[in-house]
Amino acid sequence: MGAIAQSPSEQIWDKHAIKAAICRKGKSLAALARDHQMPESSLRSALVKPTKEAELVISQFLEKPLFELFPERWTEDNKRIYPRYNKSDCK
């Protein structure tokens, strides 16, 4: 059989894993949004695109650092990674 590419303890956090972890802790995205007086769509959006306030709520609820849940968006020292654009892309 094939070799395992990563150690079993290393969690890959995609939108499905994040949503499942929230459910395992007894909440839904909607309930978590209501608890923080924010629109449900904000938390759903955070699973697919940068939404700082919602990302922070998810991170705090799951007790995981931002850079672990959203590695393409945050550095290990909690700094936002902004996409770089070529000048030709900004026409």
PDB file of N, CA and C in Angstrom:
ATOM      1  N   MET A   1       0.835  -1.180   0.000  1.00  0.00           N
ATOM      2  CA  MET A   1       0.000   0.000   0.000  1.00  0.00           C
ATOM      3  C   MET A   1       0.880   1.243   0.000  1.00  0.00           C
ATOM      4  N   GLY A   2       0.263   2.412  -0.165  1.00  0.00           N
ATOM      5  CA  GLY A   2       1.008   3.667  -0.230  1.00  0.00           C
ATOM      6  C   GLY A   2       1.473   4.136   1.135  1.00  0.00           C
ATOM      7  N   ALA A   3       2.462   4.980   1.121  1.00  0.00           N
ATOM      8  CA  ALA A   3       2.996   5.541   2.367  1.00  0.00           C
ATOM      9  C   ALA A   3       2.099   6.686   2.834  1.00  0.00           C
ATOM     10  N   ILE A   4       2.038   6.876   4.121  1.00  0.00           N
ATOM     11  CA  ILE A   4       1.270   7.977   4.690  1.00  0.00           C
ATOM     12  C   ILE A   4       2.089   9.251   4.524  1.00  0.00           C
ATOM     13  N   ALA A   5       1.486  10.273   3.961  1.00  0.00           N
ATOM     14  CA  ALA A   5       2.195  11.511   3.666  1.00  0.00           C
ATOM     15  C   ALA A   5       2.397  12.380   4.899  1.00  0.00           C
ATOM     16  N   GLN A   6       1.582  12.213   5.920  1.00  0.00           N
ATOM     17  CA  GLN A   6       1.706  13.039   7.113  1.00  0.00           C
ATOM     18  C   GLN A   6       1.478  12.184   8.342  1.00  0.00           C
ATOM     19  N   SER A   7       1.925  12.703   9.479  1.00  0.00           N
ATOM     20  CA  SER A   7       1.720  11.948  10.711  1.00  0.00           C
ATOM     21  C   SER A   7       0.238  11.990  11.083  1.00  0.00           C
ATOM     22  N   PRO A   8      -0.295  10.935  11.687  1.00  0.00           N
ATOM     23  CA  PRO A   8      -1.721  10.892  12.027  1.00  0.00           C
ATOM     24  C   PRO A   8      -2.157  12.001  12.978  1.00  0.00           C
ATOM     25  N   SER A   9      -1.241  12.524  13.800  1.00  0.00           N
ATOM     26  CA  SER A   9      -1.605  13.576  14.743  1.00  0.00           C
ATOM     27  C   SER A   9      -1.694  14.947  14.080  1.00  0.00           C
ATOM     28  N   GLU A  10      -1.209  15.066  12.870  1.00  0.00           N
ATOM     29  CA  GLU A  10      -1.227  16.347  12.172  1.00  0.00           C
ATOM     30  C   GLU A  10      -2.578  16.533  11.479  1.00  0.00           C
ATOM     31  N   GLN A  11      -3.381  17.438  12.003  1.00  0.00           N
ATOM     32  CA  GLN A  11      -4.728  17.686  11.495  1.00  0.00           C
ATOM     33  C   GLN A  11      -4.676  18.645  10.310  1.00  0.00           C
ATOM     34  N   ILE A  12      -5.372  18.308   9.252  1.00  0.00           N
ATOM     35  CA  ILE A  12      -5.530  19.232   8.138  1.00  0.00           C
ATOM     36  C   ILE A  12      -6.900  19.879   8.304  1.00  0.00           C
ATOM     37  N   TRP A  13      -6.915  21.193   8.401  1.00  0.00           N
ATOM     38  CA  TRP A  13      -8.150  21.915   8.649  1.00  0.00           C
ATOM     39  C   TRP A  13      -8.683  22.499   7.348  1.00  0.00           C
ATOM     40  N   ASP A  14      -9.617  21.802   6.728  1.00  0.00           N
ATOM     41  CA  ASP A  14     -10.332  22.382   5.604  1.00  0.00           C
ATOM     42  C   ASP A  14     -11.715  22.790   6.123  1.00  0.00           C
ATOM     43  N   LYS A  15     -12.547  23.345   5.242  1.00  0.00           N
ATOM     44  CA  LYS A  15     -13.839  23.847   5.714  1.00  0.00           C
ATOM     45  C   LYS A  15     -14.702  22.736   6.316  1.00  0.00           C
ATOM     46  N   HIS A  16     -14.586  21.527   5.789  1.00  0.00           N
ATOM     47  CA  HIS A  16     -15.386  20.416   6.307  1.00  0.00           C
ATOM     48  C   HIS A  16     -14.904  19.993   7.690  1.00  0.00           C
ATOM     49  N   ALA A  17     -13.596  19.958   7.892  1.00  0.00           N
ATOM     50  CA  ALA A  17     -13.039  19.581   9.194  1.00  0.00           C
ATOM     51  C   ALA A  17     -13.382  20.621  10.259  1.00  0.00           C
ATOM     52  N   ILE A  18     -13.331  21.891   9.886  1.00  0.00           N
ATOM     53  CA  ILE A  18     -13.665  22.959  10.836  1.00  0.00           C
ATOM     54  C   ILE A  18     -15.131  22.853  11.242  1.00  0.00           C
ATOM     55  N   LYS A  19     -16.003  22.694  10.254  1.00  0.00           N
ATOM     56  CA  LYS A  19     -17.436  22.591  10.539  1.00  0.00           C
ATOM     57  C   LYS A  19     -17.725  21.361  11.401  1.00  0.00           C
ATOM     58  N   ALA A  20     -17.073  20.234  11.097  1.00  0.00           N
ATOM     59  CA  ALA A  20     -17.262  19.011  11.883  1.00  0.00           C
ATOM     60  C   ALA A  20     -16.777  19.200  13.322  1.00  0.00           C
ATOM     61  N   ALA A  21     -15.660  19.883  13.506  1.00  0.00           N
ATOM     62  CA  ALA A  21     -15.134  20.118  14.854  1.00  0.00           C
ATOM     63  C   ALA A  21     -16.095  20.989  15.665  1.00  0.00           C
ATOM     64  N   ILE A  22     -16.689  21.970  15.032  1.00  0.00           N
ATOM     65  CA  ILE A  22     -17.673  22.819  15.715  1.00  0.00           C
ATOM     66  C   ILE A  22     -18.869  21.966  16.137  1.00  0.00           C
ATOM     67  N   CYS A  23     -19.330  21.107  15.239  1.00  0.00           N
ATOM     68  CA  CYS A  23     -20.465  20.219  15.555  1.00  0.00           C
ATOM     69  C   CYS A  23     -20.115  19.247  16.680  1.00  0.00           C
ATOM     70  N   ARG A  24     -18.887  18.719  16.667  1.00  0.00           N
ATOM     71  CA  ARG A  24     -18.469  17.790  17.730  1.00  0.00           C
ATOM     72  C   ARG A  24     -18.446  18.466  19.097  1.00  0.00           C
ATOM     73  N   LYS A  25     -18.242  19.777  19.101  1.00  0.00           N
ATOM     74  CA  LYS A  25     -18.250  20.506  20.380  1.00  0.00           C
ATOM     75  C   LYS A  25     -19.664  20.958  20.757  1.00  0.00           C
ATOM     76  N   GLY A  26     -20.668  20.522  19.971  1.00  0.00           N
ATOM     77  CA  GLY A  26     -22.055  20.764  20.360  1.00  0.00           C
ATOM     78  C   GLY A  26     -22.692  22.028  19.827  1.00  0.00           C
ATOM     79  N   LYS A  27     -22.110  22.631  18.824  1.00  0.00           N
ATOM     80  CA  LYS A  27     -22.682  23.852  18.254  1.00  0.00           C
ATOM     81  C   LYS A  27     -22.830  23.689  16.751  1.00  0.00           C
ATOM     82  N   SER A  28     -23.640  24.520  16.182  1.00  0.00           N
ATOM     83  CA  SER A  28     -23.712  24.648  14.729  1.00  0.00           C
ATOM     84  C   SER A  28     -23.117  26.011  14.389  1.00  0.00           C
ATOM     85  N   LEU A  29     -22.839  26.225  13.117  1.00  0.00           N
ATOM     86  CA  LEU A  29     -22.342  27.547  12.710  1.00  0.00           C
ATOM     87  C   LEU A  29     -23.368  28.617  13.059  1.00  0.00           C
ATOM     88  N   ALA A  30     -24.647  28.306  12.854  1.00  0.00           N
ATOM     89  CA  ALA A  30     -25.712  29.268  13.145  1.00  0.00           C
ATOM     90  C   ALA A  30     -25.753  29.619  14.635  1.00  0.00           C
ATOM     91  N   ALA A  31     -25.675  28.601  15.484  1.00  0.00           N
ATOM     92  CA  ALA A  31     -25.714  28.837  16.934  1.00  0.00           C
ATOM     93  C   ALA A  31     -24.495  29.631  17.398  1.00  0.00           C
ATOM     94  N   LEU A  32     -23.344  29.308  16.841  1.00  0.00           N
ATOM     95  CA  LEU A  32     -22.123  30.028  17.197  1.00  0.00           C
ATOM     96  C   LEU A  32     -22.227  31.496  16.779  1.00  0.00           C
ATOM     97  N   ALA A  33     -22.806  31.733  15.616  1.00  0.00           N
ATOM     98  CA  ALA A  33     -23.010  33.106  15.147  1.00  0.00           C
ATOM     99  C   ALA A  33     -23.963  33.851  16.079  1.00  0.00           C
ATOM    100  N   ARG A  34     -25.057  33.203  16.453  1.00  0.00           N
ATOM    101  CA  ARG A  34     -26.021  33.845  17.363  1.00  0.00           C
ATOM    102  C   ARG A  34     -25.368  34.170  18.700  1.00  0.00           C
ATOM    103  N   ASP A  35     -24.536  33.265  19.215  1.00  0.00           N
ATOM    104  CA  ASP A  35     -23.853  33.506  20.491  1.00  0.00           C
ATOM    105  C   ASP A  35     -22.989  34.759  20.451  1.00  0.00           C
ATOM    106  N   HIS A  36     -22.506  35.101  19.261  1.00  0.00           N
ATOM    107  CA  HIS A  36     -21.614  36.257  19.114  1.00  0.00           C
ATOM    108  C   HIS A  36     -22.277  37.423  18.393  1.00  0.00           C
ATOM    109  N   GLN A  37     -23.608  37.394  18.312  1.00  0.00           N
ATOM    110  CA  GLN A  37     -24.389  38.449  17.677  1.00  0.00           C
ATOM    111  C   GLN A  37     -23.829  38.848  16.310  1.00  0.00           C
ATOM    112  N   MET A  38     -23.591  37.854  15.487  1.00  0.00           N
ATOM    113  CA  MET A  38     -23.124  38.127  14.132  1.00  0.00           C
ATOM    114  C   MET A  38     -23.980  37.351  13.142  1.00  0.00           C
ATOM    115  N   PRO A  39     -24.012  37.789  11.897  1.00  0.00           N
ATOM    116  CA  PRO A  39     -24.804  37.064  10.896  1.00  0.00           C
ATOM    117  C   PRO A  39     -24.236  35.666  10.657  1.00  0.00           C
ATOM    118  N   GLU A  40     -25.142  34.715  10.446  1.00  0.00           N
ATOM    119  CA  GLU A  40     -24.711  33.344  10.160  1.00  0.00           C
ATOM    120  C   GLU A  40     -23.808  33.305   8.934  1.00  0.00           C
ATOM    121  N   SER A  41     -24.108  34.147   7.971  1.00  0.00           N
ATOM    122  CA  SER A  41     -23.336  34.156   6.728  1.00  0.00           C
ATOM    123  C   SER A  41     -21.875  34.518   6.964  1.00  0.00           C
ATOM    124  N   SER A  42     -21.584  35.271   8.014  1.00  0.00           N
ATOM    125  CA  SER A  42     -20.192  35.635   8.308  1.00  0.00           C
ATOM    126  C   SER A  42     -19.369  34.405   8.654  1.00  0.00           C
ATOM    127  N   LEU A  43     -19.927  33.535   9.489  1.00  0.00           N
ATOM    128  CA  LEU A  43     -19.190  32.325   9.855  1.00  0.00           C
ATOM    129  C   LEU A  43     -19.074  31.375   8.672  1.00  0.00           C
ATOM    130  N   ARG A  44     -20.129  31.254   7.891  1.00  0.00           N
ATOM    131  CA  ARG A  44     -20.057  30.401   6.703  1.00  0.00           C
ATOM    132  C   ARG A  44     -19.010  30.945   5.729  1.00  0.00           C
ATOM    133  N   SER A  45     -18.968  32.255   5.569  1.00  0.00           N
ATOM    134  CA  SER A  45     -17.996  32.878   4.664  1.00  0.00           C
ATOM    135  C   SER A  45     -16.564  32.625   5.110  1.00  0.00           C
ATOM    136  N   ALA A  46     -16.346  32.629   6.414  1.00  0.00           N
ATOM    137  CA  ALA A  46     -14.987  32.440   6.938  1.00  0.00           C
ATOM    138  C   ALA A  46     -14.413  31.085   6.548  1.00  0.00           C
ATOM    139  N   LEU A  47     -15.266  30.122   6.240  1.00  0.00           N
ATOM    140  CA  LEU A  47     -14.784  28.809   5.845  1.00  0.00           C
ATOM    141  C   LEU A  47     -14.198  28.812   4.436  1.00  0.00           C
ATOM    142  N   VAL A  48     -14.537  29.821   3.644  1.00  0.00           N
ATOM    143  CA  VAL A  48     -14.056  29.848   2.256  1.00  0.00           C
ATOM    144  C   VAL A  48     -13.271  31.098   1.877  1.00  0.00           C
ATOM    145  N   LYS A  49     -13.415  32.179   2.640  1.00  0.00           N
ATOM    146  CA  LYS A  49     -12.674  33.399   2.327  1.00  0.00           C
ATOM    147  C   LYS A  49     -12.359  34.165   3.609  1.00  0.00           C
ATOM    148  N   PRO A  50     -11.358  35.024   3.565  1.00  0.00           N
ATOM    149  CA  PRO A  50     -10.966  35.764   4.773  1.00  0.00           C
ATOM    150  C   PRO A  50     -12.096  36.616   5.342  1.00  0.00           C
ATOM    151  N   THR A  51     -12.401  36.386   6.598  1.00  0.00           N
ATOM    152  CA  THR A  51     -13.407  37.145   7.339  1.00  0.00           C
ATOM    153  C   THR A  51     -12.896  37.212   8.774  1.00  0.00           C
ATOM    154  N   LYS A  52     -12.137  38.243   9.076  1.00  0.00           N
ATOM    155  CA  LYS A  52     -11.365  38.305  10.319  1.00  0.00           C
ATOM    156  C   LYS A  52     -12.186  38.034  11.581  1.00  0.00           C
ATOM    157  N   GLU A  53     -13.271  38.744  11.781  1.00  0.00           N
ATOM    158  CA  GLU A  53     -14.051  38.592  13.015  1.00  0.00           C
ATOM    159  C   GLU A  53     -14.569  37.159  13.163  1.00  0.00           C
ATOM    160  N   ALA A  54     -15.065  36.592  12.084  1.00  0.00           N
ATOM    161  CA  ALA A  54     -15.593  35.230  12.125  1.00  0.00           C
ATOM    162  C   ALA A  54     -14.469  34.208  12.345  1.00  0.00           C
ATOM    163  N   GLU A  55     -13.319  34.439  11.733  1.00  0.00           N
ATOM    164  CA  GLU A  55     -12.177  33.540  11.932  1.00  0.00           C
ATOM    165  C   GLU A  55     -11.763  33.531  13.402  1.00  0.00           C
ATOM    166  N   LEU A  56     -11.786  34.696  14.030  1.00  0.00           N
ATOM    167  CA  LEU A  56     -11.430  34.789  15.450  1.00  0.00           C
ATOM    168  C   LEU A  56     -12.426  34.029  16.321  1.00  0.00           C
ATOM    169  N   VAL A  57     -13.719  34.144  16.014  1.00  0.00           N
ATOM    170  CA  VAL A  57     -14.751  33.433  16.770  1.00  0.00           C
ATOM    171  C   VAL A  57     -14.536  31.927  16.655  1.00  0.00           C
ATOM    172  N   ILE A  58     -14.306  31.440  15.448  1.00  0.00           N
ATOM    173  CA  ILE A  58     -14.087  30.012  15.223  1.00  0.00           C
ATOM    174  C   ILE A  58     -12.835  29.538  15.958  1.00  0.00           C
ATOM    175  N   SER A  59     -11.767  30.317  15.848  1.00  0.00           N
ATOM    176  CA  SER A  59     -10.503  29.968  16.494  1.00  0.00           C
ATOM    177  C   SER A  59     -10.668  29.869  18.011  1.00  0.00           C
ATOM    178  N   GLN A  60     -11.333  30.837  18.594  1.00  0.00           N
ATOM    179  CA  GLN A  60     -11.541  30.830  20.048  1.00  0.00           C
ATOM    180  C   GLN A  60     -12.428  29.665  20.478  1.00  0.00           C
ATOM    181  N   PHE A  61     -13.486  29.410  19.711  1.00  0.00           N
ATOM    182  CA  PHE A  61     -14.390  28.325  20.070  1.00  0.00           C
ATOM    183  C   PHE A  61     -13.699  26.967  19.998  1.00  0.00           C
ATOM    184  N   LEU A  62     -12.913  26.753  18.952  1.00  0.00           N
ATOM    185  CA  LEU A  62     -12.223  25.470  18.789  1.00  0.00           C
ATOM    186  C   LEU A  62     -10.935  25.384  19.598  1.00  0.00           C
ATOM    187  N   GLU A  63     -10.536  26.507  20.218  1.00  0.00           N
ATOM    188  CA  GLU A  63      -9.305  26.577  21.006  1.00  0.00           C
ATOM    189  C   GLU A  63      -8.097  26.154  20.183  1.00  0.00           C
ATOM    190  N   LYS A  64      -8.060  26.647  18.957  1.00  0.00           N
ATOM    191  CA  LYS A  64      -6.956  26.405  18.023  1.00  0.00           C
ATOM    192  C   LYS A  64      -6.454  27.748  17.526  1.00  0.00           C
ATOM    193  N   PRO A  65      -5.156  27.875  17.319  1.00  0.00           N
ATOM    194  CA  PRO A  65      -4.628  29.154  16.813  1.00  0.00           C
ATOM    195  C   PRO A  65      -5.073  29.409  15.371  1.00  0.00           C
ATOM    196  N   LEU A  66      -5.175  30.672  15.027  1.00  0.00           N
ATOM    197  CA  LEU A  66      -5.598  31.063  13.681  1.00  0.00           C
ATOM    198  C   LEU A  66      -4.730  30.448  12.599  1.00  0.00           C
ATOM    199  N   PHE A  67      -3.410  30.446  12.812  1.00  0.00           N
ATOM    200  CA  PHE A  67      -2.507  29.941  11.773  1.00  0.00           C
ATOM    201  C   PHE A  67      -2.682  28.446  11.546  1.00  0.00           C
ATOM    202  N   GLU A  68      -3.200  27.742  12.534  1.00  0.00           N
ATOM    203  CA  GLU A  68      -3.426  26.309  12.370  1.00  0.00           C
ATOM    204  C   GLU A  68      -4.712  26.044  11.575  1.00  0.00           C
ATOM    205  N   LEU A  69      -5.760  26.802  11.876  1.00  0.00           N
ATOM    206  CA  LEU A  69      -7.026  26.623  11.180  1.00  0.00           C
ATOM    207  C   LEU A  69      -6.993  27.213   9.770  1.00  0.00           C
ATOM    208  N   PHE A  70      -6.338  28.354   9.629  1.00  0.00           N
ATOM    209  CA  PHE A  70      -6.319  29.071   8.355  1.00  0.00           C
ATOM    210  C   PHE A  70      -4.868  29.407   7.972  1.00  0.00           C
ATOM    211  N   PRO A  71      -4.054  28.400   7.663  1.00  0.00           N
ATOM    212  CA  PRO A  71      -2.626  28.638   7.431  1.00  0.00           C
ATOM    213  C   PRO A  71      -2.327  29.519   6.213  1.00  0.00           C
ATOM    214  N   GLU A  72      -3.235  29.556   5.260  1.00  0.00           N
ATOM    215  CA  GLU A  72      -3.013  30.401   4.086  1.00  0.00           C
ATOM    216  C   GLU A  72      -3.382  31.861   4.358  1.00  0.00           C
ATOM    217  N   ARG A  73      -3.946  32.135   5.546  1.00  0.00           N
ATOM    218  CA  ARG A  73      -4.401  33.488   5.883  1.00  0.00           C
ATOM    219  C   ARG A  73      -3.652  34.128   7.046  1.00  0.00           C
ATOM    220  N   TRP A  74      -3.025  33.303   7.917  1.00  0.00           N
ATOM    221  CA  TRP A  74      -2.403  33.819   9.132  1.00  0.00           C
ATOM    222  C   TRP A  74      -1.015  33.223   9.339  1.00  0.00           C
ATOM    223  N   THR A  75      -0.101  34.035   9.896  1.00  0.00           N
ATOM    224  CA  THR A  75       1.224  33.545  10.253  1.00  0.00           C
ATOM    225  C   THR A  75       1.183  33.031  11.693  1.00  0.00           C
ATOM    226  N   GLU A  76       2.248  32.373  12.104  1.00  0.00           N
ATOM    227  CA  GLU A  76       2.302  31.833  13.469  1.00  0.00           C
ATOM    228  C   GLU A  76       2.289  32.928  14.535  1.00  0.00           C
ATOM    229  N   ASP A  77       2.683  34.145  14.180  1.00  0.00           N
ATOM    230  CA  ASP A  77       2.644  35.241  15.154  1.00  0.00           C
ATOM    231  C   ASP A  77       1.393  36.104  14.980  1.00  0.00           C
ATOM    232  N   ASN A  78       0.314  35.484  14.479  1.00  0.00           N
ATOM    233  CA  ASN A  78      -1.007  36.107  14.350  1.00  0.00           C
ATOM    234  C   ASN A  78      -1.024  37.364  13.491  1.00  0.00           C
ATOM    235  N   LYS A  79      -0.276  37.335  12.418  1.00  0.00           N
ATOM    236  CA  LYS A  79      -0.325  38.430  11.453  1.00  0.00           C
ATOM    237  C   LYS A  79      -1.052  37.941  10.215  1.00  0.00           C
ATOM    238  N   ARG A  80      -1.909  38.772   9.702  1.00  0.00           N
ATOM    239  CA  ARG A  80      -2.692  38.430   8.521  1.00  0.00           C
ATOM    240  C   ARG A  80      -1.779  38.341   7.306  1.00  0.00           C
ATOM    241  N   ILE A  81      -1.966  37.313   6.504  1.00  0.00           N
ATOM    242  CA  ILE A  81      -1.261  37.188   5.232  1.00  0.00           C
ATOM    243  C   ILE A  81      -2.186  37.758   4.170  1.00  0.00           C
ATOM    244  N   TYR A  82      -1.760  38.824   3.550  1.00  0.00           N
ATOM    245  CA  TYR A  82      -2.553  39.433   2.497  1.00  0.00           C
ATOM    246  C   TYR A  82      -2.069  38.924   1.152  1.00  0.00           C
ATOM    247  N   PRO A  83      -2.982  38.660   0.242  1.00  0.00           N
ATOM    248  CA  PRO A  83      -2.542  38.180  -1.077  1.00  0.00           C
ATOM    249  C   PRO A  83      -1.745  39.251  -1.798  1.00  0.00           C
ATOM    250  N   ARG A  84      -0.765  38.805  -2.551  1.00  0.00           N
ATOM    251  CA  ARG A  84       0.052  39.715  -3.341  1.00  0.00           C
ATOM    252  C   ARG A  84      -0.479  39.711  -4.764  1.00  0.00           C
ATOM    253  N   TYR A  85      -0.607  40.867  -5.328  1.00  0.00           N
ATOM    254  CA  TYR A  85      -1.098  40.980  -6.693  1.00  0.00           C
ATOM    255  C   TYR A  85      -0.044  41.630  -7.562  1.00  0.00           C
ATOM    256  N   ASN A  86       0.060  41.193  -8.780  1.00  0.00           N
ATOM    257  CA  ASN A  86       0.915  41.861  -9.755  1.00  0.00           C
ATOM    258  C   ASN A  86       0.211  43.136 -10.195  1.00  0.00           C
ATOM    259  N   LYS A  87       0.987  44.132 -10.575  1.00  0.00           N
ATOM    260  CA  LYS A  87       0.375  45.365 -11.049  1.00  0.00           C
ATOM    261  C   LYS A  87      -0.507  45.101 -12.266  1.00  0.00           C
ATOM    262  N   SER A  88      -0.145  44.117 -13.066  1.00  0.00           N
ATOM    263  CA  SER A  88      -0.938  43.795 -14.249  1.00  0.00           C
ATOM    264  C   SER A  88      -2.292  43.192 -13.874  1.00  0.00           C
ATOM    265  N   ASP A  89      -2.411  42.622 -12.661  1.00  0.00           N
ATOM    266  CA  ASP A  89      -3.670  42.050 -12.204  1.00  0.00           C
ATOM    267  C   ASP A  89      -4.672  43.114 -11.762  1.00  0.00           C
ATOM    268  N   CYS A  90      -4.209  44.297 -11.466  1.00  0.00           N
ATOM    269  CA  CYS A  90      -5.051  45.350 -10.902  1.00  0.00           C
ATOM    270  C   CYS A  90      -5.491  46.360 -11.964  1.00  0.00           C
ATOM    271  N   LYS A  91      -5.906  45.913 -13.082  1.00  0.00           N
ATOM    272  CA  LYS A  91      -6.328  46.836 -14.151  1.00  0.00           C
ATOM    273  C   LYS A  91      -7.735  47.282 -13.959  1.00  0.00           C
TER     274      LYS A  91
END
